[in-house]
Amino acid sequence: MSRKNYKLSFLPMFEDDLNEVVDYITNTLKNPDAAHRLVDDIEFAIIKRLKMPLAFSPYQSSKHRKHSYYRINIRNFSIFYVVIDNTMEFVGFSTQNEIYTNC
């Protein structure tokens, strides 16, 4: 059985949200090491999930979506992606508190 290869794509909104969190941790909290570790953890989780992005349950949202959302939890953050054809597209980045208030 051959395994499908997936490409990565990041929406600008995802990148903006991630940059905002990294800037906050680096500049406001004055902890660049923690920001760097968070980015490393996110990168590791994405690479690991890229092998089998559809092997996990879709995220249960109250909103109807054209493509199912999938979630990866990393510390107090969640990153969301959709799979379209052979592309794993990252669409959102949020804290756990934001998820519960926006579902």
PDB file of N, CA and C in Angstrom:
ATOM      1  N   MET A   1       0.845  -1.180   0.000  1.00  0.00           N
ATOM      2  CA  MET A   1       0.000   0.000   0.000  1.00  0.00           C
ATOM      3  C   MET A   1       0.893   1.248   0.000  1.00  0.00           C
ATOM      4  N   SER A   2       0.719   2.109  -0.984  1.00  0.00           N
ATOM      5  CA  SER A   2       1.541   3.312  -1.047  1.00  0.00           C
ATOM      6  C   SER A   2       0.908   4.425  -0.223  1.00  0.00           C
ATOM      7  N   ARG A   3       1.769   5.214   0.369  1.00  0.00           N
ATOM      8  CA  ARG A   3       1.295   6.313   1.200  1.00  0.00           C
ATOM      9  C   ARG A   3       1.286   7.588   0.370  1.00  0.00           C
ATOM     10  N   LYS A   4       0.237   8.358   0.505  1.00  0.00           N
ATOM     11  CA  LYS A   4       0.098   9.603  -0.234  1.00  0.00           C
ATOM     12  C   LYS A   4       1.041  10.651   0.354  1.00  0.00           C
ATOM     13  N   ASN A   5       1.674  11.413  -0.501  1.00  0.00           N
ATOM     14  CA  ASN A   5       2.528  12.509  -0.052  1.00  0.00           C
ATOM     15  C   ASN A   5       1.716  13.795  -0.055  1.00  0.00           C
ATOM     16  N   TYR A   6       1.795  14.534   1.036  1.00  0.00           N
ATOM     17  CA  TYR A   6       1.050  15.778   1.177  1.00  0.00           C
ATOM     18  C   TYR A   6       1.994  16.970   1.137  1.00  0.00           C
ATOM     19  N   LYS A   7       1.495  18.046   0.541  1.00  0.00           N
ATOM     20  CA  LYS A   7       2.212  19.316   0.535  1.00  0.00           C
ATOM     21  C   LYS A   7       1.675  20.158   1.686  1.00  0.00           C
ATOM     22  N   LEU A   8       2.474  21.116   2.107  1.00  0.00           N
ATOM     23  CA  LEU A   8       2.054  22.046   3.155  1.00  0.00           C
ATOM     24  C   LEU A   8       1.705  23.398   2.556  1.00  0.00           C
ATOM     25  N   SER A   9       0.707  24.012   3.158  1.00  0.00           N
ATOM     26  CA  SER A   9       0.321  25.367   2.785  1.00  0.00           C
ATOM     27  C   SER A   9      -0.127  26.081   4.057  1.00  0.00           C
ATOM     28  N   PHE A  10       0.190  27.365   4.158  1.00  0.00           N
ATOM     29  CA  PHE A  10      -0.178  28.148   5.333  1.00  0.00           C
ATOM     30  C   PHE A  10      -0.915  29.399   4.876  1.00  0.00           C
ATOM     31  N   LEU A  11      -2.120  29.583   5.375  1.00  0.00           N
ATOM     32  CA  LEU A  11      -2.846  30.809   5.060  1.00  0.00           C
ATOM     33  C   LEU A  11      -2.185  31.986   5.773  1.00  0.00           C
ATOM     34  N   PRO A  12      -2.234  33.174   5.182  1.00  0.00           N
ATOM     35  CA  PRO A  12      -1.649  34.346   5.834  1.00  0.00           C
ATOM     36  C   PRO A  12      -2.199  34.570   7.243  1.00  0.00           C
ATOM     37  N   MET A  13      -3.477  34.269   7.465  1.00  0.00           N
ATOM     38  CA  MET A  13      -4.067  34.448   8.793  1.00  0.00           C
ATOM     39  C   MET A  13      -3.362  33.562   9.826  1.00  0.00           C
ATOM     40  N   PHE A  14      -3.056  32.331   9.445  1.00  0.00           N
ATOM     41  CA  PHE A  14      -2.333  31.430  10.342  1.00  0.00           C
ATOM     42  C   PHE A  14      -0.961  32.014  10.677  1.00  0.00           C
ATOM     43  N   GLU A  15      -0.246  32.448   9.655  1.00  0.00           N
ATOM     44  CA  GLU A  15       1.089  33.013   9.865  1.00  0.00           C
ATOM     45  C   GLU A  15       1.030  34.270  10.726  1.00  0.00           C
ATOM     46  N   ASP A  16       0.043  35.130  10.482  1.00  0.00           N
ATOM     47  CA  ASP A  16      -0.106  36.352  11.275  1.00  0.00           C
ATOM     48  C   ASP A  16      -0.372  36.030  12.742  1.00  0.00           C
ATOM     49  N   ASP A  17      -1.276  35.082  12.992  1.00  0.00           N
ATOM     50  CA  ASP A  17      -1.595  34.701  14.372  1.00  0.00           C
ATOM     51  C   ASP A  17      -0.379  34.109  15.079  1.00  0.00           C
ATOM     52  N   LEU A  18       0.335  33.250  14.393  1.00  0.00           N
ATOM     53  CA  LEU A  18       1.534  32.649  14.983  1.00  0.00           C
ATOM     54  C   LEU A  18       2.583  33.719  15.274  1.00  0.00           C
ATOM     55  N   ASN A  19       2.807  34.617  14.324  1.00  0.00           N
ATOM     56  CA  ASN A  19       3.783  35.691  14.538  1.00  0.00           C
ATOM     57  C   ASN A  19       3.394  36.582  15.705  1.00  0.00           C
ATOM     58  N   GLU A  20       2.105  36.835  15.853  1.00  0.00           N
ATOM     59  CA  GLU A  20       1.632  37.666  16.961  1.00  0.00           C
ATOM     60  C   GLU A  20       1.943  37.004  18.307  1.00  0.00           C
ATOM     61  N   VAL A  21       1.702  35.716  18.411  1.00  0.00           N
ATOM     62  CA  VAL A  21       1.980  34.996  19.657  1.00  0.00           C
ATOM     63  C   VAL A  21       3.481  34.959  19.933  1.00  0.00           C
ATOM     64  N   VAL A  22       4.263  34.681  18.909  1.00  0.00           N
ATOM     65  CA  VAL A  22       5.720  34.633  19.079  1.00  0.00           C
ATOM     66  C   VAL A  22       6.251  36.007  19.489  1.00  0.00           C
ATOM     67  N   ASP A  23       5.758  37.064  18.866  1.00  0.00           N
ATOM     68  CA  ASP A  23       6.171  38.421  19.241  1.00  0.00           C
ATOM     69  C   ASP A  23       5.790  38.733  20.682  1.00  0.00           C
ATOM     70  N   TYR A  24       4.605  38.334  21.090  1.00  0.00           N
ATOM     71  CA  TYR A  24       4.156  38.581  22.463  1.00  0.00           C
ATOM     72  C   TYR A  24       5.067  37.863  23.464  1.00  0.00           C
ATOM     73  N   ILE A  25       5.339  36.596  23.214  1.00  0.00           N
ATOM     74  CA  ILE A  25       6.191  35.832  24.131  1.00  0.00           C
ATOM     75  C   ILE A  25       7.605  36.417  24.158  1.00  0.00           C
ATOM     76  N   THR A  26       8.106  36.789  22.986  1.00  0.00           N
ATOM     77  CA  THR A  26       9.467  37.315  22.889  1.00  0.00           C
ATOM     78  C   THR A  26       9.596  38.702  23.500  1.00  0.00           C
ATOM     79  N   ASN A  27       8.697  39.622  23.117  1.00  0.00           N
ATOM     80  CA  ASN A  27       8.865  41.030  23.479  1.00  0.00           C
ATOM     81  C   ASN A  27       8.145  41.444  24.755  1.00  0.00           C
ATOM     82  N   THR A  28       6.935  40.981  24.949  1.00  0.00           N
ATOM     83  CA  THR A  28       6.174  41.381  26.131  1.00  0.00           C
ATOM     84  C   THR A  28       6.576  40.552  27.342  1.00  0.00           C
ATOM     85  N   LEU A  29       6.638  39.245  27.147  1.00  0.00           N
ATOM     86  CA  LEU A  29       7.021  38.368  28.258  1.00  0.00           C
ATOM     87  C   LEU A  29       8.536  38.273  28.415  1.00  0.00           C
ATOM     88  N   LYS A  30       9.264  38.818  27.451  1.00  0.00           N
ATOM     89  CA  LYS A  30      10.735  38.818  27.476  1.00  0.00           C
ATOM     90  C   LYS A  30      11.298  37.405  27.620  1.00  0.00           C
ATOM     91  N   ASN A  31      10.735  36.486  26.826  1.00  0.00           N
ATOM     92  CA  ASN A  31      11.174  35.100  26.906  1.00  0.00           C
ATOM     93  C   ASN A  31      11.363  34.523  25.495  1.00  0.00           C
ATOM     94  N   PRO A  32      12.403  34.980  24.794  1.00  0.00           N
ATOM     95  CA  PRO A  32      12.621  34.490  23.430  1.00  0.00           C
ATOM     96  C   PRO A  32      12.889  32.985  23.366  1.00  0.00           C
ATOM     97  N   ASP A  33      13.477  32.422  24.413  1.00  0.00           N
ATOM     98  CA  ASP A  33      13.722  30.972  24.408  1.00  0.00           C
ATOM     99  C   ASP A  33      12.409  30.195  24.378  1.00  0.00           C
ATOM    100  N   ALA A  34      11.428  30.658  25.143  1.00  0.00           N
ATOM    101  CA  ALA A  34      10.118  29.989  25.152  1.00  0.00           C
ATOM    102  C   ALA A  34       9.439  30.125  23.790  1.00  0.00           C
ATOM    103  N   ALA A  35       9.573  31.285  23.168  1.00  0.00           N
ATOM    104  CA  ALA A  35       8.987  31.488  21.838  1.00  0.00           C
ATOM    105  C   ALA A  35       9.637  30.548  20.826  1.00  0.00           C
ATOM    106  N   HIS A  36      10.937  30.414  20.910  1.00  0.00           N
ATOM    107  CA  HIS A  36      11.662  29.519  20.000  1.00  0.00           C
ATOM    108  C   HIS A  36      11.242  28.066  20.220  1.00  0.00           C
ATOM    109  N   ARG A  37      11.090  27.657  21.475  1.00  0.00           N
ATOM    110  CA  ARG A  37      10.649  26.285  21.769  1.00  0.00           C
ATOM    111  C   ARG A  37       9.243  26.035  21.236  1.00  0.00           C
ATOM    112  N   LEU A  38       8.367  27.035  21.360  1.00  0.00           N
ATOM    113  CA  LEU A  38       7.009  26.890  20.842  1.00  0.00           C
ATOM    114  C   LEU A  38       7.032  26.679  19.330  1.00  0.00           C
ATOM    115  N   VAL A  39       7.807  27.475  18.625  1.00  0.00           N
ATOM    116  CA  VAL A  39       7.907  27.323  17.166  1.00  0.00           C
ATOM    117  C   VAL A  39       8.471  25.947  16.815  1.00  0.00           C
ATOM    118  N   ASP A  40       9.479  25.510  17.548  1.00  0.00           N
ATOM    119  CA  ASP A  40      10.039  24.168  17.308  1.00  0.00           C
ATOM    120  C   ASP A  40       8.989  23.085  17.532  1.00  0.00           C
ATOM    121  N   ASP A  41       8.214  23.215  18.609  1.00  0.00           N
ATOM    122  CA  ASP A  41       7.171  22.226  18.911  1.00  0.00           C
ATOM    123  C   ASP A  41       6.093  22.201  17.829  1.00  0.00           C
ATOM    124  N   ILE A  42       5.728  23.377  17.334  1.00  0.00           N
ATOM    125  CA  ILE A  42       4.723  23.459  16.270  1.00  0.00           C
ATOM    126  C   ILE A  42       5.261  22.813  14.995  1.00  0.00           C
ATOM    127  N   GLU A  43       6.495  23.129  14.655  1.00  0.00           N
ATOM    128  CA  GLU A  43       7.100  22.540  13.454  1.00  0.00           C
ATOM    129  C   GLU A  43       7.159  21.014  13.566  1.00  0.00           C
ATOM    130  N   PHE A  44       7.569  20.514  14.711  1.00  0.00           N
ATOM    131  CA  PHE A  44       7.647  19.066  14.922  1.00  0.00           C
ATOM    132  C   PHE A  44       6.268  18.419  14.778  1.00  0.00           C
ATOM    133  N   ALA A  45       5.247  19.036  15.383  1.00  0.00           N
ATOM    134  CA  ALA A  45       3.886  18.484  15.325  1.00  0.00           C
ATOM    135  C   ALA A  45       3.351  18.470  13.893  1.00  0.00           C
ATOM    136  N   ILE A  46       3.638  19.517  13.141  1.00  0.00           N
ATOM    137  CA  ILE A  46       3.180  19.582  11.748  1.00  0.00           C
ATOM    138  C   ILE A  46       3.861  18.504  10.909  1.00  0.00           C
ATOM    139  N   ILE A  47       5.153  18.368  11.053  1.00  0.00           N
ATOM    140  CA  ILE A  47       5.882  17.353  10.275  1.00  0.00           C
ATOM    141  C   ILE A  47       5.393  15.954  10.625  1.00  0.00           C
ATOM    142  N   LYS A  48       5.159  15.721  11.894  1.00  0.00           N
ATOM    143  CA  LYS A  48       4.661  14.411  12.330  1.00  0.00           C
ATOM    144  C   LYS A  48       3.272  14.132  11.744  1.00  0.00           C
ATOM    145  N   ARG A  49       2.383  15.129  11.776  1.00  0.00           N
ATOM    146  CA  ARG A  49       1.017  14.954  11.280  1.00  0.00           C
ATOM    147  C   ARG A  49       0.977  14.852   9.758  1.00  0.00           C
ATOM    148  N   LEU A  50       1.954  15.445   9.086  1.00  0.00           N
ATOM    149  CA  LEU A  50       1.994  15.439   7.624  1.00  0.00           C
ATOM    150  C   LEU A  50       2.020  14.023   7.052  1.00  0.00           C
ATOM    151  N   LYS A  51       2.521  13.078   7.820  1.00  0.00           N
ATOM    152  CA  LYS A  51       2.590  11.690   7.347  1.00  0.00           C
ATOM    153  C   LYS A  51       1.207  11.082   7.159  1.00  0.00           C
ATOM    154  N   MET A  52       0.246  11.458   8.017  1.00  0.00           N
ATOM    155  CA  MET A  52      -1.110  10.886   7.961  1.00  0.00           C
ATOM    156  C   MET A  52      -2.139  11.901   8.466  1.00  0.00           C
ATOM    157  N   PRO A  53      -2.371  12.973   7.734  1.00  0.00           N
ATOM    158  CA  PRO A  53      -3.244  14.037   8.239  1.00  0.00           C
ATOM    159  C   PRO A  53      -4.713  13.651   8.383  1.00  0.00           C
ATOM    160  N   LEU A  54      -5.156  12.624   7.676  1.00  0.00           N
ATOM    161  CA  LEU A  54      -6.566  12.227   7.747  1.00  0.00           C
ATOM    162  C   LEU A  54      -6.811  11.086   8.731  1.00  0.00           C
ATOM    163  N   ALA A  55      -5.787  10.663   9.436  1.00  0.00           N
ATOM    164  CA  ALA A  55      -5.915   9.533  10.360  1.00  0.00           C
ATOM    165  C   ALA A  55      -6.520   9.944  11.700  1.00  0.00           C
ATOM    166  N   PHE A  56      -6.882  11.192  11.848  1.00  0.00           N
ATOM    167  CA  PHE A  56      -7.413  11.710  13.101  1.00  0.00           C
ATOM    168  C   PHE A  56      -8.855  12.165  12.899  1.00  0.00           C
ATOM    169  N   SER A  57      -9.587  12.214  13.973  1.00  0.00           N
ATOM    170  CA  SER A  57     -10.989  12.644  13.890  1.00  0.00           C
ATOM    171  C   SER A  57     -11.064  14.120  13.533  1.00  0.00           C
ATOM    172  N   PRO A  58     -12.005  14.486  12.671  1.00  0.00           N
ATOM    173  CA  PRO A  58     -12.195  15.908  12.375  1.00  0.00           C
ATOM    174  C   PRO A  58     -12.645  16.655  13.627  1.00  0.00           C
ATOM    175  N   TYR A  59     -12.317  17.931  13.672  1.00  0.00           N
ATOM    176  CA  TYR A  59     -12.725  18.799  14.767  1.00  0.00           C
ATOM    177  C   TYR A  59     -14.229  19.030  14.673  1.00  0.00           C
ATOM    178  N   GLN A  60     -14.915  18.869  15.773  1.00  0.00           N
ATOM    179  CA  GLN A  60     -16.367  19.064  15.806  1.00  0.00           C
ATOM    180  C   GLN A  60     -16.676  20.540  16.026  1.00  0.00           C
ATOM    181  N   SER A  61     -17.131  21.192  15.007  1.00  0.00           N
ATOM    182  CA  SER A  61     -17.450  22.613  15.055  1.00  0.00           C
ATOM    183  C   SER A  61     -18.951  22.797  14.883  1.00  0.00           C
ATOM    184  N   SER A  62     -19.468  23.854  15.462  1.00  0.00           N
ATOM    185  CA  SER A  62     -20.889  24.151  15.287  1.00  0.00           C
ATOM    186  C   SER A  62     -21.152  24.825  13.934  1.00  0.00           C
ATOM    187  N   LYS A  63     -20.092  25.243  13.256  1.00  0.00           N
ATOM    188  CA  LYS A  63     -20.223  25.898  11.956  1.00  0.00           C
ATOM    189  C   LYS A  63     -20.090  24.872  10.836  1.00  0.00           C
ATOM    190  N   HIS A  64     -20.889  25.045   9.791  1.00  0.00           N
ATOM    191  CA  HIS A  64     -20.759  24.183   8.614  1.00  0.00           C
ATOM    192  C   HIS A  64     -19.566  24.667   7.793  1.00  0.00           C
ATOM    193  N   ARG A  65     -18.721  23.741   7.419  1.00  0.00           N
ATOM    194  CA  ARG A  65     -17.525  24.092   6.666  1.00  0.00           C
ATOM    195  C   ARG A  65     -17.433  23.240   5.408  1.00  0.00           C
ATOM    196  N   LYS A  66     -16.901  23.823   4.363  1.00  0.00           N
ATOM    197  CA  LYS A  66     -16.747  23.099   3.099  1.00  0.00           C
ATOM    198  C   LYS A  66     -15.801  21.912   3.271  1.00  0.00           C
ATOM    199  N   HIS A  67     -14.730  22.109   4.021  1.00  0.00           N
ATOM    200  CA  HIS A  67     -13.748  21.057   4.288  1.00  0.00           C
ATOM    201  C   HIS A  67     -13.671  20.838   5.796  1.00  0.00           C
ATOM    202  N   SER A  68     -13.538  19.594   6.194  1.00  0.00           N
ATOM    203  CA  SER A  68     -13.418  19.284   7.621  1.00  0.00           C
ATOM    204  C   SER A  68     -12.145  19.897   8.189  1.00  0.00           C
ATOM    205  N   TYR A  69     -12.283  20.456   9.393  1.00  0.00           N
ATOM    206  CA  TYR A  69     -11.127  20.983  10.107  1.00  0.00           C
ATOM    207  C   TYR A  69     -10.550  19.883  10.983  1.00  0.00           C
ATOM    208  N   TYR A  70      -9.238  19.882  11.109  1.00  0.00           N
ATOM    209  CA  TYR A  70      -8.530  18.984  12.008  1.00  0.00           C
ATOM    210  C   TYR A  70      -7.702  19.849  12.949  1.00  0.00           C
ATOM    211  N   ARG A  71      -7.507  19.354  14.160  1.00  0.00           N
ATOM    212  CA  ARG A  71      -6.812  20.149  15.171  1.00  0.00           C
ATOM    213  C   ARG A  71      -5.587  19.405  15.676  1.00  0.00           C
ATOM    214  N   ILE A  72      -4.537  20.168  15.929  1.00  0.00           N
ATOM    215  CA  ILE A  72      -3.347  19.668  16.611  1.00  0.00           C
ATOM    216  C   ILE A  72      -3.185  20.520  17.866  1.00  0.00           C
ATOM    217  N   ASN A  73      -3.143  19.888  19.022  1.00  0.00           N
ATOM    218  CA  ASN A  73      -2.935  20.604  20.279  1.00  0.00           C
ATOM    219  C   ASN A  73      -1.448  20.643  20.612  1.00  0.00           C
ATOM    220  N   ILE A  74      -0.983  21.839  20.929  1.00  0.00           N
ATOM    221  CA  ILE A  74       0.410  22.054  21.319  1.00  0.00           C
ATOM    222  C   ILE A  74       0.399  23.012  22.501  1.00  0.00           C
ATOM    223  N   ARG A  75       0.722  22.475  23.662  1.00  0.00           N
ATOM    224  CA  ARG A  75       0.661  23.246  24.920  1.00  0.00           C
ATOM    225  C   ARG A  75      -0.739  23.818  25.083  1.00  0.00           C
ATOM    226  N   ASN A  76      -0.868  25.159  25.287  1.00  0.00           N
ATOM    227  CA  ASN A  76      -2.210  25.757  25.423  1.00  0.00           C
ATOM    228  C   ASN A  76      -2.727  26.282  24.099  1.00  0.00           C
ATOM    229  N   PHE A  77      -2.154  25.858  23.022  1.00  0.00           N
ATOM    230  CA  PHE A  77      -2.545  26.332  21.702  1.00  0.00           C
ATOM    231  C   PHE A  77      -3.097  25.191  20.860  1.00  0.00           C
ATOM    232  N   SER A  78      -3.899  25.567  19.895  1.00  0.00           N
ATOM    233  CA  SER A  78      -4.383  24.620  18.895  1.00  0.00           C
ATOM    234  C   SER A  78      -4.134  25.219  17.525  1.00  0.00           C
ATOM    235  N   ILE A  79      -3.703  24.359  16.619  1.00  0.00           N
ATOM    236  CA  ILE A  79      -3.576  24.781  15.232  1.00  0.00           C
ATOM    237  C   ILE A  79      -4.542  23.936  14.415  1.00  0.00           C
ATOM    238  N   PHE A  80      -5.140  24.569  13.430  1.00  0.00           N
ATOM    239  CA  PHE A  80      -6.183  23.925  12.634  1.00  0.00           C
ATOM    240  C   PHE A  80      -5.750  23.840  11.179  1.00  0.00           C
ATOM    241  N   TYR A  81      -6.134  22.729  10.562  1.00  0.00           N
ATOM    242  CA  TYR A  81      -5.815  22.540   9.153  1.00  0.00           C
ATOM    243  C   TYR A  81      -6.965  21.838   8.449  1.00  0.00           C
ATOM    244  N   VAL A  82      -6.963  21.975   7.135  1.00  0.00           N
ATOM    245  CA  VAL A  82      -7.877  21.235   6.267  1.00  0.00           C
ATOM    246  C   VAL A  82      -7.015  20.461   5.281  1.00  0.00           C
ATOM    247  N   VAL A  83      -7.589  19.414   4.729  1.00  0.00           N
ATOM    248  CA  VAL A  83      -6.891  18.654   3.693  1.00  0.00           C
ATOM    249  C   VAL A  83      -7.699  18.794   2.411  1.00  0.00           C
ATOM    250  N   ILE A  84      -7.054  19.357   1.398  1.00  0.00           N
ATOM    251  CA  ILE A  84      -7.681  19.550   0.095  1.00  0.00           C
ATOM    252  C   ILE A  84      -6.785  18.864  -0.929  1.00  0.00           C
ATOM    253  N   ASP A  85      -7.318  17.802  -1.507  1.00  0.00           N
ATOM    254  CA  ASP A  85      -6.548  16.965  -2.431  1.00  0.00           C
ATOM    255  C   ASP A  85      -5.291  16.463  -1.717  1.00  0.00           C
ATOM    256  N   ASN A  86      -4.113  16.874  -2.192  1.00  0.00           N
ATOM    257  CA  ASN A  86      -2.884  16.412  -1.554  1.00  0.00           C
ATOM    258  C   ASN A  86      -2.189  17.529  -0.778  1.00  0.00           C
ATOM    259  N   THR A  87      -2.970  18.510  -0.341  1.00  0.00           N
ATOM    260  CA  THR A  87      -2.414  19.644   0.395  1.00  0.00           C
ATOM    261  C   THR A  87      -3.008  19.720   1.794  1.00  0.00           C
ATOM    262  N   MET A  88      -2.132  19.841   2.756  1.00  0.00           N
ATOM    263  CA  MET A  88      -2.507  20.055   4.150  1.00  0.00           C
ATOM    264  C   MET A  88      -2.340  21.554   4.395  1.00  0.00           C
ATOM    265  N   GLU A  89      -3.473  22.255   4.502  1.00  0.00           N
ATOM    266  CA  GLU A  89      -3.453  23.713   4.573  1.00  0.00           C
ATOM    267  C   GLU A  89      -3.786  24.174   5.986  1.00  0.00           C
ATOM    268  N   PHE A  90      -2.862  24.906   6.593  1.00  0.00           N
ATOM    269  CA  PHE A  90      -3.073  25.400   7.951  1.00  0.00           C
ATOM    270  C   PHE A  90      -3.837  26.712   7.889  1.00  0.00           C
ATOM    271  N   VAL A  91      -4.952  26.723   8.612  1.00  0.00           N
ATOM    272  CA  VAL A  91      -5.895  27.827   8.486  1.00  0.00           C
ATOM    273  C   VAL A  91      -6.062  28.643   9.755  1.00  0.00           C
ATOM    274  N   GLY A  92      -5.703  28.099  10.911  1.00  0.00           N
ATOM    275  CA  GLY A  92      -5.948  28.825  12.144  1.00  0.00           C
ATOM    276  C   GLY A  92      -5.001  28.449  13.257  1.00  0.00           C
ATOM    277  N   PHE A  93      -4.824  29.396  14.158  1.00  0.00           N
ATOM    278  CA  PHE A  93      -3.965  29.229  15.325  1.00  0.00           C
ATOM    279  C   PHE A  93      -4.657  29.957  16.459  1.00  0.00           C
ATOM    280  N   SER A  94      -4.889  29.280  17.563  1.00  0.00           N
ATOM    281  CA  SER A  94      -5.581  29.958  18.661  1.00  0.00           C
ATOM    282  C   SER A  94      -5.212  29.352  20.001  1.00  0.00           C
ATOM    283  N   THR A  95      -5.538  30.088  21.053  1.00  0.00           N
ATOM    284  CA  THR A  95      -5.362  29.567  22.407  1.00  0.00           C
ATOM    285  C   THR A  95      -6.568  28.704  22.745  1.00  0.00           C
ATOM    286  N   GLN A  96      -6.441  27.876  23.752  1.00  0.00           N
ATOM    287  CA  GLN A  96      -7.559  27.032  24.166  1.00  0.00           C
ATOM    288  C   GLN A  96      -8.763  27.893  24.552  1.00  0.00           C
ATOM    289  N   ASN A  97      -8.549  29.028  25.204  1.00  0.00           N
ATOM    290  CA  ASN A  97      -9.661  29.903  25.606  1.00  0.00           C
ATOM    291  C   ASN A  97     -10.423  30.435  24.403  1.00  0.00           C
ATOM    292  N   GLU A  98      -9.719  30.791  23.341  1.00  0.00           N
ATOM    293  CA  GLU A  98     -10.376  31.297  22.137  1.00  0.00           C
ATOM    294  C   GLU A  98     -11.249  30.233  21.493  1.00  0.00           C
ATOM    295  N   ILE A  99     -10.808  29.001  21.533  1.00  0.00           N
ATOM    296  CA  ILE A  99     -11.570  27.913  20.917  1.00  0.00           C
ATOM    297  C   ILE A  99     -12.925  27.770  21.587  1.00  0.00           C
ATOM    298  N   TYR A 100     -12.943  27.773  22.896  1.00  0.00           N
ATOM    299  CA  TYR A 100     -14.189  27.535  23.613  1.00  0.00           C
ATOM    300  C   TYR A 100     -15.165  28.699  23.486  1.00  0.00           C
ATOM    301  N   THR A 101     -14.669  29.881  23.221  1.00  0.00           N
ATOM    302  CA  THR A 101     -15.573  31.015  23.077  1.00  0.00           C
ATOM    303  C   THR A 101     -16.026  31.226  21.639  1.00  0.00           C
ATOM    304  N   ASN A 102     -15.327  30.626  20.661  1.00  0.00           N
ATOM    305  CA  ASN A 102     -15.653  30.855  19.250  1.00  0.00           C
ATOM    306  C   ASN A 102     -16.255  29.660  18.533  1.00  0.00           C
ATOM    307  N   CYS A 103     -16.508  28.576  19.200  1.00  0.00           N
ATOM    308  CA  CYS A 103     -17.010  27.363  18.527  1.00  0.00           C
ATOM    309  C   CYS A 103     -18.410  27.542  18.005  1.00  0.00           C
TER     310      CYS A 103
END
